[in-house]
N, C-alpha and C. Protein backbone atom coordinates (compact mmCIF):
# COMPACT_ATOMS: atom_id res chain seq x y z
N MET A 1 96.65 -16.74 121.09
CA MET A 1 96.04 -16.48 121.55
C MET A 1 94.55 -17.71 122.29
N LYS A 2 94.59 -17.73 120.99
CA LYS A 2 93.35 -18.92 120.26
C LYS A 2 94.10 -20.54 120.89
N ASN A 3 95.10 -20.63 119.33
CA ASN A 3 95.60 -22.44 119.90
C ASN A 3 96.40 -22.24 121.47
N MET A 4 97.16 -21.52 122.20
CA MET A 4 97.09 -21.55 123.02
C MET A 4 96.17 -22.24 124.27
N LYS A 5 94.52 -21.12 124.19
CA LYS A 5 93.65 -21.34 125.06
C LYS A 5 93.35 -22.98 124.41
N HIS A 6 93.76 -23.61 123.82
CA HIS A 6 93.20 -24.87 123.40
C HIS A 6 94.35 -25.85 123.77
N ALA A 7 95.44 -25.76 123.65
CA ALA A 7 96.58 -26.19 124.23
C ALA A 7 96.29 -26.81 125.93
N VAL A 8 96.50 -25.31 126.06
CA VAL A 8 95.60 -25.34 128.08
C VAL A 8 94.83 -26.20 128.56
N PHE A 9 94.22 -26.25 127.67
CA PHE A 9 92.73 -27.13 127.95
C PHE A 9 92.71 -28.40 127.34
N ALA A 10 94.12 -28.14 126.96
CA ALA A 10 93.91 -29.83 126.14
C ALA A 10 94.78 -30.49 127.81
N LEU A 11 95.88 -29.33 128.36
CA LEU A 11 96.50 -30.23 129.16
C LEU A 11 95.32 -30.30 130.45
N ILE A 12 94.32 -29.40 130.37
CA ILE A 12 93.34 -29.48 131.60
C ILE A 12 92.24 -30.68 131.51
N LEU A 13 92.39 -31.37 130.47
CA LEU A 13 91.84 -32.41 129.99
C LEU A 13 92.96 -33.86 130.57
N LEU A 14 93.84 -33.76 130.41
CA LEU A 14 94.89 -34.21 130.44
C LEU A 14 94.96 -34.92 131.74
N GLY A 15 94.62 -33.58 132.77
CA GLY A 15 94.83 -33.63 134.30
C GLY A 15 93.33 -35.28 135.20
N ALA A 16 92.82 -35.40 133.85
CA ALA A 16 91.42 -36.45 134.73
C ALA A 16 91.82 -37.63 133.80
N LEU A 17 92.65 -37.53 133.15
CA LEU A 17 93.02 -39.05 132.83
C LEU A 17 93.63 -40.45 133.96
N PRO A 18 94.10 -39.80 135.22
CA PRO A 18 94.20 -40.74 135.89
C PRO A 18 92.94 -41.32 136.50
N VAL A 19 92.03 -40.83 136.39
CA VAL A 19 90.87 -41.56 137.13
C VAL A 19 90.07 -43.10 136.28
N THR A 20 91.11 -42.95 135.35
CA THR A 20 90.81 -44.59 134.86
C THR A 20 91.55 -45.67 135.00
N SER A 21 92.63 -45.12 136.26
CA SER A 21 93.58 -46.21 137.47
C SER A 21 92.77 -46.08 138.77
N CYS A 22 93.15 -47.34 139.30
CA CYS A 22 92.99 -46.83 140.78
C CYS A 22 94.31 -46.19 141.22
N LYS A 23 95.38 -46.27 141.36
CA LYS A 23 96.21 -45.11 141.45
C LYS A 23 97.08 -44.77 140.53
N ALA A 24 97.94 -42.94 140.55
CA ALA A 24 98.02 -42.69 139.19
C ALA A 24 99.76 -43.00 139.77
N SER A 25 100.33 -43.00 139.01
CA SER A 25 102.17 -42.08 139.28
C SER A 25 101.87 -41.13 139.17
N LEU A 26 102.17 -39.85 140.18
CA LEU A 26 102.21 -38.64 140.39
C LEU A 26 104.27 -37.90 139.75
N ASP A 27 104.78 -38.20 140.00
CA ASP A 27 106.11 -38.93 140.05
C ASP A 27 106.71 -37.63 139.34
N SER A 28 106.13 -37.65 138.14
CA SER A 28 106.93 -37.16 137.25
C SER A 28 106.30 -35.59 136.87
N ASP A 29 107.44 -34.66 135.75
CA ASP A 29 106.73 -32.99 135.89
C ASP A 29 105.52 -33.17 135.51
N THR A 30 105.50 -33.97 134.39
CA THR A 30 104.20 -33.70 133.31
C THR A 30 103.00 -34.37 134.47
N ALA A 31 103.03 -35.05 134.91
CA ALA A 31 102.31 -35.64 135.81
C ALA A 31 101.66 -34.93 136.91
N LYS A 32 102.34 -34.02 137.16
CA LYS A 32 102.52 -32.62 138.59
C LYS A 32 101.33 -32.19 137.66
N VAL A 33 102.03 -31.71 136.46
CA VAL A 33 101.29 -30.80 135.91
C VAL A 33 99.93 -30.80 135.53
N SER A 34 99.71 -32.06 135.15
CA SER A 34 98.46 -32.59 134.00
C SER A 34 97.43 -32.71 135.78
N TYR A 35 97.77 -33.24 136.90
CA TYR A 35 97.17 -33.63 138.06
C TYR A 35 96.51 -31.86 138.68
N GLY A 36 97.69 -31.56 138.49
CA GLY A 36 97.23 -29.92 139.41
C GLY A 36 96.18 -29.28 138.19
N LEU A 37 96.72 -29.24 137.20
CA LEU A 37 95.64 -28.52 136.25
C LEU A 37 94.06 -29.51 136.02
N GLY A 38 94.01 -30.61 136.08
CA GLY A 38 93.12 -31.74 136.34
C GLY A 38 92.13 -30.54 137.35
N MET A 39 93.02 -30.53 138.87
CA MET A 39 92.07 -30.26 139.69
C MET A 39 91.71 -28.43 140.52
N GLN A 40 92.60 -27.98 139.24
CA GLN A 40 91.92 -26.39 138.61
C GLN A 40 90.48 -26.37 137.70
N PHE A 41 90.56 -27.87 137.20
CA PHE A 41 89.37 -27.48 136.47
C PHE A 41 88.38 -28.61 137.49
N ALA A 42 88.58 -28.91 138.05
CA ALA A 42 87.39 -29.84 138.39
C ALA A 42 87.55 -29.50 139.75
N ASN A 43 88.16 -28.39 140.38
CA ASN A 43 87.72 -27.30 141.21
C ASN A 43 86.06 -26.21 140.95
N ASP A 44 87.13 -25.89 139.63
CA ASP A 44 85.74 -24.88 138.81
C ASP A 44 84.48 -25.30 138.67
N MET A 45 84.81 -26.65 138.17
CA MET A 45 83.86 -26.73 137.49
C MET A 45 82.14 -27.11 138.94
N LYS A 46 83.08 -27.67 139.84
CA LYS A 46 82.72 -28.12 141.23
C LYS A 46 81.67 -26.42 141.47
N ASN A 47 82.11 -26.01 141.32
CA ASN A 47 81.67 -24.48 141.83
C ASN A 47 81.28 -23.83 141.45
N ARG A 48 81.25 -24.30 140.03
CA ARG A 48 80.00 -23.29 139.23
C ARG A 48 78.48 -24.28 139.03
N GLY A 49 79.03 -25.65 140.04
CA GLY A 49 77.82 -26.53 140.29
C GLY A 49 77.35 -27.22 138.79
N PHE A 50 78.13 -27.59 138.04
CA PHE A 50 78.30 -28.05 136.96
C PHE A 50 78.63 -29.59 137.21
N GLU A 51 77.59 -30.70 136.68
CA GLU A 51 78.36 -32.39 137.18
C GLU A 51 78.90 -32.95 135.73
N ILE A 52 79.99 -33.49 136.37
CA ILE A 52 80.61 -34.17 135.31
C ILE A 52 80.43 -35.79 135.49
N ASP A 53 80.10 -36.49 133.93
CA ASP A 53 80.10 -37.74 134.43
C ASP A 53 82.21 -38.14 133.86
N ILE A 54 82.51 -38.53 134.37
CA ILE A 54 83.74 -38.54 134.97
C ILE A 54 84.08 -39.85 133.64
N LYS A 55 83.07 -40.81 133.36
CA LYS A 55 83.97 -41.44 132.33
C LYS A 55 84.05 -41.17 130.66
N ALA A 56 83.08 -40.45 130.81
CA ALA A 56 82.48 -39.61 129.95
C ALA A 56 83.86 -38.33 129.39
N PHE A 57 84.00 -37.94 130.22
CA PHE A 57 85.01 -37.03 130.07
C PHE A 57 86.23 -37.71 129.73
N VAL A 58 86.73 -38.43 130.09
CA VAL A 58 87.76 -38.86 129.88
C VAL A 58 87.62 -39.76 128.75
N GLN A 59 86.29 -40.51 127.95
CA GLN A 59 86.40 -41.17 127.07
C GLN A 59 87.17 -40.26 125.37
N ALA A 60 86.45 -38.79 125.57
CA ALA A 60 86.98 -38.12 124.92
C ALA A 60 87.56 -37.83 124.77
N VAL A 61 88.48 -37.64 126.08
CA VAL A 61 90.31 -37.31 125.77
C VAL A 61 91.17 -38.33 125.03
N GLU A 62 90.39 -39.50 125.40
CA GLU A 62 91.22 -40.63 124.77
C GLU A 62 91.26 -40.45 123.36
N ASP A 63 89.67 -40.41 122.97
CA ASP A 63 89.60 -40.43 121.48
C ASP A 63 89.88 -39.48 120.50
N VAL A 64 90.28 -38.01 121.51
CA VAL A 64 90.95 -36.79 120.53
C VAL A 64 92.57 -37.39 120.52
N TYR A 65 93.41 -37.89 121.68
CA TYR A 65 94.43 -38.55 121.76
C TYR A 65 94.67 -39.89 120.69
N LYS A 66 93.44 -40.35 120.02
CA LYS A 66 93.85 -42.11 119.00
C LYS A 66 93.44 -41.41 118.21
N GLY A 67 92.76 -39.87 117.58
CA GLY A 67 92.88 -39.99 116.74
C GLY A 67 91.34 -40.28 115.40
N GLN A 68 90.31 -40.51 117.38
CA GLN A 68 89.33 -41.23 116.37
C GLN A 68 88.30 -39.75 116.63
N LYS A 69 87.33 -39.99 115.47
CA LYS A 69 86.15 -38.95 115.68
C LYS A 69 85.06 -38.71 116.61
N SER A 70 84.46 -37.96 116.99
CA SER A 70 83.65 -37.49 118.12
C SER A 70 82.68 -38.63 117.87
N ARG A 71 81.80 -38.81 118.91
CA ARG A 71 80.77 -40.28 118.49
C ARG A 71 79.52 -39.37 118.78
N ILE A 72 80.05 -38.53 119.33
CA ILE A 72 78.87 -37.26 119.01
C ILE A 72 78.56 -36.39 117.93
N ALA A 73 77.73 -36.23 117.44
CA ALA A 73 77.31 -35.22 116.55
C ALA A 73 77.40 -33.85 117.66
N ASP A 74 78.31 -33.10 116.83
CA ASP A 74 78.13 -31.47 117.41
C ASP A 74 76.51 -31.12 117.19
N GLU A 75 75.69 -31.05 116.96
CA GLU A 75 74.30 -30.86 117.42
C GLU A 75 73.71 -31.22 118.08
N GLU A 76 74.08 -32.24 118.61
CA GLU A 76 73.42 -33.07 120.07
C GLU A 76 74.00 -32.66 120.95
N ILE A 77 75.34 -32.32 121.27
CA ILE A 77 76.37 -32.18 121.80
C ILE A 77 75.89 -30.59 122.31
N ARG A 78 75.58 -29.10 121.84
CA ARG A 78 75.05 -28.25 121.30
C ARG A 78 73.67 -28.03 122.36
N ALA A 79 72.78 -29.11 122.14
CA ALA A 79 71.82 -29.19 122.54
C ALA A 79 71.53 -29.53 123.71
N ALA A 80 72.65 -30.29 124.38
CA ALA A 80 73.34 -30.85 125.65
C ALA A 80 73.62 -29.85 126.07
N PHE A 81 74.32 -29.02 125.63
CA PHE A 81 74.90 -27.94 126.63
C PHE A 81 73.84 -26.79 126.45
N GLN A 82 73.13 -26.30 126.01
CA GLN A 82 71.94 -25.58 126.60
C GLN A 82 70.74 -26.06 127.40
N LYS A 83 70.82 -27.28 127.19
CA LYS A 83 69.86 -28.07 128.02
C LYS A 83 70.29 -28.62 129.76
N VAL A 84 71.28 -28.45 129.59
CA VAL A 84 71.94 -28.41 130.77
C VAL A 84 72.56 -26.98 131.43
N SER A 85 72.59 -25.87 130.79
CA SER A 85 72.93 -24.78 130.70
C SER A 85 71.45 -24.24 131.26
N GLU A 86 70.52 -24.25 130.76
CA GLU A 86 69.01 -23.92 131.49
C GLU A 86 68.57 -24.88 132.86
N GLY A 87 69.01 -25.71 132.73
CA GLY A 87 68.80 -26.22 134.05
C GLY A 87 69.08 -25.65 135.57
N MET A 88 70.52 -25.09 135.29
CA MET A 88 71.85 -24.38 136.02
C MET A 88 70.81 -23.23 136.36
N MET A 89 70.44 -22.64 135.32
CA MET A 89 70.00 -21.62 135.97
C MET A 89 69.18 -21.05 136.76
N GLN A 90 68.41 -22.65 135.98
CA GLN A 90 66.88 -22.37 137.35
C GLN A 90 67.15 -22.82 138.35
N LYS A 91 68.33 -23.36 139.05
CA LYS A 91 68.50 -23.96 140.08
C LYS A 91 69.89 -22.79 141.12
N GLN A 92 70.33 -21.79 140.20
CA GLN A 92 70.46 -20.55 141.10
C GLN A 92 69.75 -19.79 140.91
N ILE A 93 68.71 -19.60 140.50
CA ILE A 93 67.31 -18.52 140.55
C ILE A 93 66.46 -19.11 141.73
N ALA A 94 66.93 -20.17 141.96
CA ALA A 94 65.39 -20.66 142.62
C ALA A 94 66.69 -20.81 144.73
N LYS A 95 68.13 -21.46 144.50
CA LYS A 95 68.42 -20.99 145.62
C LYS A 95 69.18 -19.82 145.71
N ALA A 96 69.08 -18.56 144.81
CA ALA A 96 68.91 -17.05 145.38
C ALA A 96 67.79 -16.81 145.49
N ALA A 97 66.72 -17.19 145.76
CA ALA A 97 65.70 -17.00 146.15
C ALA A 97 65.80 -17.35 147.44
N GLU A 98 66.00 -18.91 147.89
CA GLU A 98 65.78 -18.92 149.36
C GLU A 98 67.19 -18.44 149.98
N ASN A 99 68.37 -17.84 148.99
CA ASN A 99 69.07 -17.37 150.16
C ASN A 99 68.64 -16.22 150.96
N LEU A 100 67.81 -15.34 149.77
CA LEU A 100 67.01 -14.04 150.13
C LEU A 100 66.33 -14.28 151.20
N LYS A 101 65.94 -14.36 151.13
CA LYS A 101 65.00 -14.99 152.67
C LYS A 101 65.59 -15.24 153.98
N THR A 102 66.51 -16.71 153.58
CA THR A 102 66.99 -16.47 155.35
C THR A 102 68.28 -15.65 154.76
N GLY A 103 68.70 -14.79 154.21
CA GLY A 103 69.58 -14.38 154.67
C GLY A 103 69.07 -12.47 155.67
N GLU A 104 67.19 -12.33 155.18
CA GLU A 104 66.87 -11.48 155.59
C GLU A 104 66.74 -11.91 157.11
N GLU A 105 66.50 -13.19 157.35
CA GLU A 105 65.70 -14.01 158.89
C GLU A 105 67.34 -13.99 159.72
N TYR A 106 68.33 -14.30 158.64
CA TYR A 106 69.49 -14.16 159.86
C TYR A 106 70.06 -12.22 160.11
N LEU A 107 70.00 -11.66 159.38
CA LEU A 107 70.25 -10.16 159.35
C LEU A 107 69.58 -9.71 160.30
N THR A 108 68.15 -9.87 160.83
CA THR A 108 67.29 -9.73 161.83
C THR A 108 67.87 -10.35 162.63
N LYS A 109 67.94 -11.61 163.77
CA LYS A 109 68.37 -12.05 164.41
C LYS A 109 69.79 -11.49 164.86
N ASN A 110 70.63 -11.23 164.08
CA ASN A 110 71.76 -10.94 163.87
C ASN A 110 72.10 -9.70 165.08
N LYS A 111 70.50 -9.07 164.25
CA LYS A 111 70.91 -7.39 165.05
C LYS A 111 70.95 -7.26 165.88
N ALA A 112 70.47 -7.95 166.68
CA ALA A 112 69.91 -8.04 167.77
C ALA A 112 70.93 -8.68 169.14
N LYS A 113 71.89 -9.43 168.83
CA LYS A 113 72.56 -10.05 169.44
C LYS A 113 73.54 -8.76 170.19
N ASP A 114 73.91 -8.83 171.00
CA ASP A 114 74.61 -7.88 172.18
C ASP A 114 75.90 -7.59 171.02
N GLY A 115 76.06 -6.18 171.44
CA GLY A 115 77.36 -5.74 170.69
C GLY A 115 77.27 -5.47 169.15
N VAL A 116 76.50 -5.79 168.62
CA VAL A 116 76.41 -6.11 167.10
C VAL A 116 75.81 -4.26 167.21
N LYS A 117 76.46 -3.13 165.64
CA LYS A 117 75.71 -2.25 165.02
C LYS A 117 75.24 -2.44 163.73
N VAL A 118 74.39 -1.49 163.45
CA VAL A 118 73.63 -1.86 162.60
C VAL A 118 73.96 -0.09 161.41
N THR A 119 74.64 -0.07 160.47
CA THR A 119 74.30 1.36 159.95
C THR A 119 74.01 1.46 159.11
N ALA A 120 73.62 3.17 158.31
CA ALA A 120 72.52 3.49 157.97
C ALA A 120 72.31 2.61 155.81
N SER A 121 73.30 1.95 156.29
CA SER A 121 73.26 0.83 153.99
C SER A 121 72.67 -0.13 154.99
N GLY A 122 72.35 -0.67 156.24
CA GLY A 122 72.36 -2.22 156.50
C GLY A 122 73.62 -3.15 157.10
N LEU A 123 75.15 -2.56 156.56
CA LEU A 123 76.37 -3.36 157.24
C LEU A 123 75.85 -3.55 158.33
N GLN A 124 75.88 -4.90 158.87
CA GLN A 124 76.60 -4.83 160.58
C GLN A 124 77.80 -5.37 160.74
N TYR A 125 78.29 -4.78 162.49
CA TYR A 125 79.56 -5.22 162.51
C TYR A 125 79.51 -5.30 164.27
N LYS A 126 80.44 -5.77 164.30
CA LYS A 126 80.92 -5.83 166.12
C LYS A 126 82.38 -5.39 166.29
N VAL A 127 82.82 -4.69 167.34
CA VAL A 127 83.97 -4.80 167.63
C VAL A 127 84.58 -5.67 168.64
N VAL A 128 85.46 -6.06 167.83
CA VAL A 128 85.88 -7.67 168.57
C VAL A 128 87.57 -7.14 169.33
N LYS A 129 88.20 -6.57 168.82
CA LYS A 129 89.35 -5.16 169.41
C LYS A 129 88.94 -4.03 169.23
N GLU A 130 88.93 -2.80 169.58
CA GLU A 130 89.70 -1.86 169.30
C GLU A 130 91.01 -0.95 168.71
N GLY A 131 91.30 -0.91 167.30
CA GLY A 131 92.67 -0.17 167.60
C GLY A 131 93.16 0.69 168.13
N ALA A 132 94.40 1.72 168.10
CA ALA A 132 94.53 2.82 168.20
C ALA A 132 95.30 3.71 167.35
N GLY A 133 95.70 3.30 166.05
CA GLY A 133 95.83 4.13 164.46
C GLY A 133 94.80 4.96 164.14
N ALA A 134 95.42 4.99 163.01
CA ALA A 134 94.06 5.64 162.08
C ALA A 134 93.32 5.00 161.06
N SER A 135 92.06 5.67 160.46
CA SER A 135 91.44 4.98 160.36
C SER A 135 91.20 5.50 158.33
N PRO A 136 91.39 4.55 157.99
CA PRO A 136 91.32 4.39 156.39
C PRO A 136 90.44 5.43 155.62
N ARG A 137 90.79 6.12 154.18
CA ARG A 137 89.96 6.63 153.57
C ARG A 137 89.78 5.25 152.25
N PRO A 138 88.55 6.42 151.41
CA PRO A 138 87.97 5.07 151.00
C PRO A 138 88.85 4.81 149.54
N THR A 139 90.27 6.18 149.32
CA THR A 139 91.23 5.46 148.41
C THR A 139 92.03 4.82 148.64
N ASP A 140 92.55 4.70 150.25
CA ASP A 140 93.91 4.19 150.68
C ASP A 140 93.90 2.84 150.56
N MET A 141 95.36 1.97 150.56
CA MET A 141 95.57 1.17 150.38
C MET A 141 95.74 0.31 152.23
N VAL A 142 95.19 -0.97 152.10
CA VAL A 142 94.90 -1.62 153.49
C VAL A 142 95.98 -2.95 153.92
N LYS A 143 95.64 -3.01 154.58
CA LYS A 143 96.73 -4.65 154.39
C LYS A 143 95.81 -4.91 155.50
N VAL A 144 95.05 -6.80 155.65
CA VAL A 144 94.69 -7.01 156.28
C VAL A 144 94.47 -8.74 156.68
N HIS A 145 94.31 -9.04 157.57
CA HIS A 145 93.82 -10.92 157.72
C HIS A 145 92.25 -10.79 157.88
N TYR A 146 92.18 -11.30 156.84
CA TYR A 146 90.27 -11.95 157.50
C TYR A 146 89.82 -13.49 157.14
N ARG A 147 88.87 -13.69 157.42
CA ARG A 147 88.09 -15.09 156.99
C ARG A 147 86.80 -15.24 156.71
N GLY A 148 86.15 -15.20 155.81
CA GLY A 148 84.75 -15.22 155.23
C GLY A 148 83.88 -16.42 155.58
N THR A 149 82.65 -16.52 155.58
CA THR A 149 82.25 -17.10 155.79
C THR A 149 80.62 -17.28 155.76
N LEU A 150 79.90 -18.58 155.15
CA LEU A 150 78.63 -18.06 154.58
C LEU A 150 77.92 -17.80 155.79
N ILE A 151 76.32 -17.77 156.00
CA ILE A 151 75.95 -17.92 157.53
C ILE A 151 75.77 -19.10 158.02
N ASP A 152 76.01 -20.04 156.79
CA ASP A 152 76.07 -21.87 157.59
C ASP A 152 76.98 -22.48 157.68
N GLY A 153 78.13 -21.53 158.28
CA GLY A 153 79.14 -21.67 158.62
C GLY A 153 80.64 -21.99 157.17
N THR A 154 80.22 -21.63 156.25
CA THR A 154 81.26 -22.41 155.28
C THR A 154 82.05 -21.96 155.27
N GLU A 155 83.36 -21.61 155.00
CA GLU A 155 84.20 -21.14 154.79
C GLU A 155 85.17 -21.27 153.30
N PHE A 156 84.55 -20.33 152.61
CA PHE A 156 84.77 -19.47 151.41
C PHE A 156 86.53 -18.60 151.21
N ASP A 157 86.87 -18.45 152.31
CA ASP A 157 88.31 -17.19 151.96
C ASP A 157 88.92 -17.57 153.29
N SER A 158 89.89 -17.48 153.18
CA SER A 158 90.90 -16.99 154.69
C SER A 158 92.40 -16.40 154.12
N SER A 159 92.87 -15.65 154.47
CA SER A 159 93.89 -15.01 154.49
C SER A 159 95.30 -15.68 155.57
N TYR A 160 94.51 -16.41 156.71
CA TYR A 160 94.64 -17.28 157.87
C TYR A 160 96.01 -18.36 157.66
N LYS A 161 94.88 -19.03 156.67
CA LYS A 161 94.79 -19.98 156.35
C LYS A 161 96.22 -20.08 154.89
N ARG A 162 96.58 -19.20 154.41
CA ARG A 162 97.38 -19.09 153.52
C ARG A 162 98.74 -17.95 154.34
N ASN A 163 97.97 -17.62 155.38
CA ASN A 163 100.13 -17.63 156.17
C ASN A 163 100.34 -16.28 154.98
N GLN A 164 99.04 -15.27 155.09
CA GLN A 164 99.34 -13.92 153.62
C GLN A 164 98.60 -12.85 154.22
N PRO A 165 98.91 -11.90 154.63
CA PRO A 165 97.59 -11.17 154.53
C PRO A 165 97.18 -10.55 153.17
N ALA A 166 96.47 -9.64 153.25
CA ALA A 166 95.63 -9.34 152.10
C ALA A 166 96.09 -8.04 152.03
N GLU A 167 96.24 -7.30 150.48
CA GLU A 167 96.23 -5.66 150.23
C GLU A 167 95.50 -5.33 149.21
N PHE A 168 95.12 -4.37 149.32
CA PHE A 168 94.03 -3.64 147.97
C PHE A 168 93.50 -2.28 148.72
N ARG A 169 93.35 -1.66 147.13
CA ARG A 169 92.55 -0.38 148.03
C ARG A 169 91.01 -0.34 147.91
N LEU A 170 90.40 0.71 148.81
CA LEU A 170 89.31 -0.17 149.87
C LEU A 170 88.28 0.29 148.57
N ASN A 171 88.15 1.35 147.42
CA ASN A 171 87.40 1.48 146.35
C ASN A 171 87.15 0.67 145.16
N GLN A 172 88.37 -0.96 145.83
CA GLN A 172 88.65 -1.79 145.07
C GLN A 172 88.02 -3.11 145.07
N VAL A 173 86.76 -2.82 146.21
CA VAL A 173 86.61 -4.27 147.05
C VAL A 173 85.09 -3.93 147.24
N ILE A 174 84.45 -4.92 147.75
CA ILE A 174 82.37 -4.94 147.62
C ILE A 174 82.29 -4.00 148.32
N PRO A 175 81.23 -3.07 148.73
CA PRO A 175 81.20 -2.33 149.13
C PRO A 175 80.92 -2.15 150.32
N GLY A 176 80.40 -3.38 151.25
CA GLY A 176 80.62 -3.83 152.61
C GLY A 176 82.12 -3.53 153.13
N TRP A 177 82.99 -4.07 152.31
CA TRP A 177 84.22 -3.70 152.55
C TRP A 177 84.76 -2.02 152.42
N THR A 178 84.43 -1.59 152.05
CA THR A 178 84.88 -0.27 151.53
C THR A 178 84.15 0.28 152.49
N GLU A 179 82.59 0.17 152.67
CA GLU A 179 82.31 0.43 154.42
C GLU A 179 83.00 0.37 155.86
N GLY A 180 82.96 -0.96 155.55
CA GLY A 180 83.30 -1.31 157.27
C GLY A 180 84.94 -1.62 157.34
N LEU A 181 85.78 -1.23 156.77
CA LEU A 181 87.46 -0.96 157.32
C LEU A 181 87.27 0.57 157.25
N GLN A 182 86.69 1.62 156.64
CA GLN A 182 86.47 2.98 157.02
C GLN A 182 86.07 3.34 158.87
N LEU A 183 85.59 1.96 159.28
CA LEU A 183 85.25 2.65 160.45
C LEU A 183 86.06 2.12 161.55
N MET A 184 87.36 0.85 161.51
CA MET A 184 88.23 0.57 161.67
C MET A 184 89.36 1.69 161.89
N LYS A 185 89.54 1.37 163.00
CA LYS A 185 91.16 2.00 162.70
C LYS A 185 92.24 0.77 162.75
N VAL A 186 93.79 1.48 162.75
CA VAL A 186 94.92 0.42 162.51
C VAL A 186 94.78 -0.49 164.14
N GLY A 187 95.04 -1.67 163.63
CA GLY A 187 95.08 -2.67 165.31
C GLY A 187 93.88 -3.40 165.17
N SER A 188 92.72 -2.84 164.92
CA SER A 188 91.54 -3.31 165.57
C SER A 188 90.41 -4.42 164.22
N LYS A 189 89.96 -5.11 164.85
CA LYS A 189 90.09 -6.41 164.60
C LYS A 189 88.31 -6.21 165.04
N TYR A 190 87.54 -6.45 163.71
CA TYR A 190 85.81 -6.44 164.15
C TYR A 190 85.52 -7.67 162.97
N GLU A 191 83.92 -7.49 163.26
CA GLU A 191 83.22 -8.84 162.69
C GLU A 191 82.68 -8.41 161.55
N LEU A 192 82.08 -9.10 161.01
CA LEU A 192 81.58 -7.62 159.53
C LEU A 192 80.60 -9.09 159.08
N THR A 193 78.54 -8.20 159.27
CA THR A 193 77.90 -9.05 158.85
C THR A 193 76.91 -7.98 157.44
N ILE A 194 77.23 -8.91 156.60
CA ILE A 194 77.50 -7.70 154.57
C ILE A 194 76.61 -8.36 154.55
N PRO A 195 74.66 -7.56 154.13
CA PRO A 195 74.06 -8.12 153.38
C PRO A 195 74.46 -8.43 151.94
N ALA A 196 73.67 -9.11 151.27
CA ALA A 196 73.91 -9.52 150.16
C ALA A 196 74.42 -8.18 148.60
N LYS A 197 73.13 -6.95 149.15
CA LYS A 197 73.53 -5.77 148.39
C LYS A 197 74.47 -5.36 148.27
N LEU A 198 75.16 -5.02 149.30
CA LEU A 198 76.71 -4.96 149.75
C LEU A 198 77.97 -6.14 149.40
N GLY A 199 77.07 -7.19 149.01
CA GLY A 199 78.57 -7.51 148.71
C GLY A 199 78.42 -8.66 147.40
N TYR A 200 77.92 -9.50 147.11
CA TYR A 200 77.72 -10.02 146.01
C TYR A 200 76.42 -9.80 145.23
N GLY A 201 75.74 -9.59 145.92
CA GLY A 201 74.15 -9.23 144.76
C GLY A 201 73.87 -10.51 144.10
N GLU A 202 72.97 -10.51 144.00
CA GLU A 202 71.63 -11.48 142.99
C GLU A 202 72.63 -12.42 142.60
N GLN A 203 73.41 -12.63 141.41
CA GLN A 203 74.63 -12.96 140.93
C GLN A 203 75.02 -13.88 141.46
N GLY A 204 76.26 -13.36 142.60
CA GLY A 204 77.42 -14.38 144.16
C GLY A 204 78.22 -14.15 142.60
N ASN A 205 78.87 -14.73 142.81
CA ASN A 205 80.29 -15.64 142.23
C ASN A 205 80.26 -17.30 142.31
N GLN A 206 82.03 -17.79 142.07
CA GLN A 206 82.58 -19.53 141.89
C GLN A 206 82.18 -19.75 142.88
N ARG A 207 82.51 -19.00 144.17
CA ARG A 207 82.09 -19.48 145.59
C ARG A 207 81.15 -19.16 146.33
N ILE A 208 79.97 -18.12 146.30
CA ILE A 208 79.44 -17.51 146.89
C ILE A 208 78.08 -17.21 146.04
N PRO A 209 77.28 -18.27 146.64
CA PRO A 209 75.81 -18.33 145.87
C PRO A 209 75.41 -16.49 145.80
N GLY A 210 74.15 -16.56 144.94
CA GLY A 210 73.53 -15.26 144.45
C GLY A 210 72.28 -14.99 146.14
N ASN A 211 72.25 -13.76 146.59
CA ASN A 211 72.07 -13.08 147.51
C ASN A 211 72.71 -13.70 148.52
N SER A 212 73.48 -14.25 148.48
CA SER A 212 74.19 -14.85 150.47
C SER A 212 74.59 -13.45 150.87
N VAL A 213 74.28 -13.69 151.71
CA VAL A 213 75.14 -12.49 153.48
C VAL A 213 76.78 -13.30 154.00
N LEU A 214 77.78 -12.62 154.30
CA LEU A 214 78.41 -12.72 154.37
C LEU A 214 79.28 -12.37 155.67
N ASN A 215 79.53 -13.37 155.91
CA ASN A 215 79.95 -12.95 157.72
C ASN A 215 81.71 -13.11 157.71
N PHE A 216 82.40 -11.90 158.09
CA PHE A 216 83.99 -11.34 157.92
C PHE A 216 84.39 -11.27 159.51
N GLU A 217 85.85 -11.93 159.50
CA GLU A 217 86.06 -11.69 161.27
C GLU A 217 87.77 -11.03 160.00
N VAL A 218 87.96 -9.81 160.40
CA VAL A 218 88.98 -8.60 160.02
C VAL A 218 89.90 -7.86 160.61
N GLU A 219 90.79 -8.18 160.67
CA GLU A 219 91.68 -7.19 161.21
C GLU A 219 92.79 -6.23 160.08
N LEU A 220 91.99 -4.44 160.31
CA LEU A 220 92.81 -4.03 160.39
C LEU A 220 94.51 -3.91 160.34
N LEU A 221 95.54 -4.13 159.56
CA LEU A 221 97.08 -4.00 160.15
C LEU A 221 97.66 -3.17 160.00
N GLU A 222 97.41 -2.10 158.63
CA GLU A 222 98.82 -1.26 158.28
C GLU A 222 97.74 -0.54 157.41
N ILE A 223 97.66 0.96 157.30
CA ILE A 223 97.10 1.61 155.88
C ILE A 223 98.25 1.42 155.31
N LYS A 224 98.65 1.48 154.04
CA LYS A 224 100.23 1.53 152.95
C LYS A 224 100.03 2.72 152.80
N LYS A 225 101.51 3.13 152.95
CA LYS A 225 101.76 4.40 151.85
C LYS A 225 102.21 4.03 150.83
């Protein structure tokens, strides 16, 4: 398993090699796989807020494949990792604090809008279209179409764009979804505004910053048997 991880990481690094030229040839399968893995790695680092010096990154790959020794001592690399990680953590903490304040302000304004209802937990919802089917229970498997955005309008996920509805059990998603979907009947479309405590909390995830209020457009298509 350890060797496999190393092999996969090596392939990911190879995906960064085309940046050394103005335009890379992407015709071969090896080039396509390398490019795809490079995209995955770069997107992951970008979503984590990790800045990369592309030239230094590619230099390391070239050195490894040419059999050259590291240009930087391991101790120096570890110290740099530690310093950068601490800096990223401080930025995330500051961003989460900012999101908490702006999120509370947003929720206060949003609940005053026409048609918006608020549950005891703080979940806000608006009925766009009311269906006539059954409502799911917490343990039910459901099929939905949805679009999720941050309060600044940034889209972080969409089953519509994938042209593929999502299927999941209600007790295996964030609390805001578990509660919100139970309010809906099959055929309904709701707008859910989910406080951070009912979403991804203080930590967030790779696409969602900590303490983020989330907006969802959700269509309940089916309760799976």
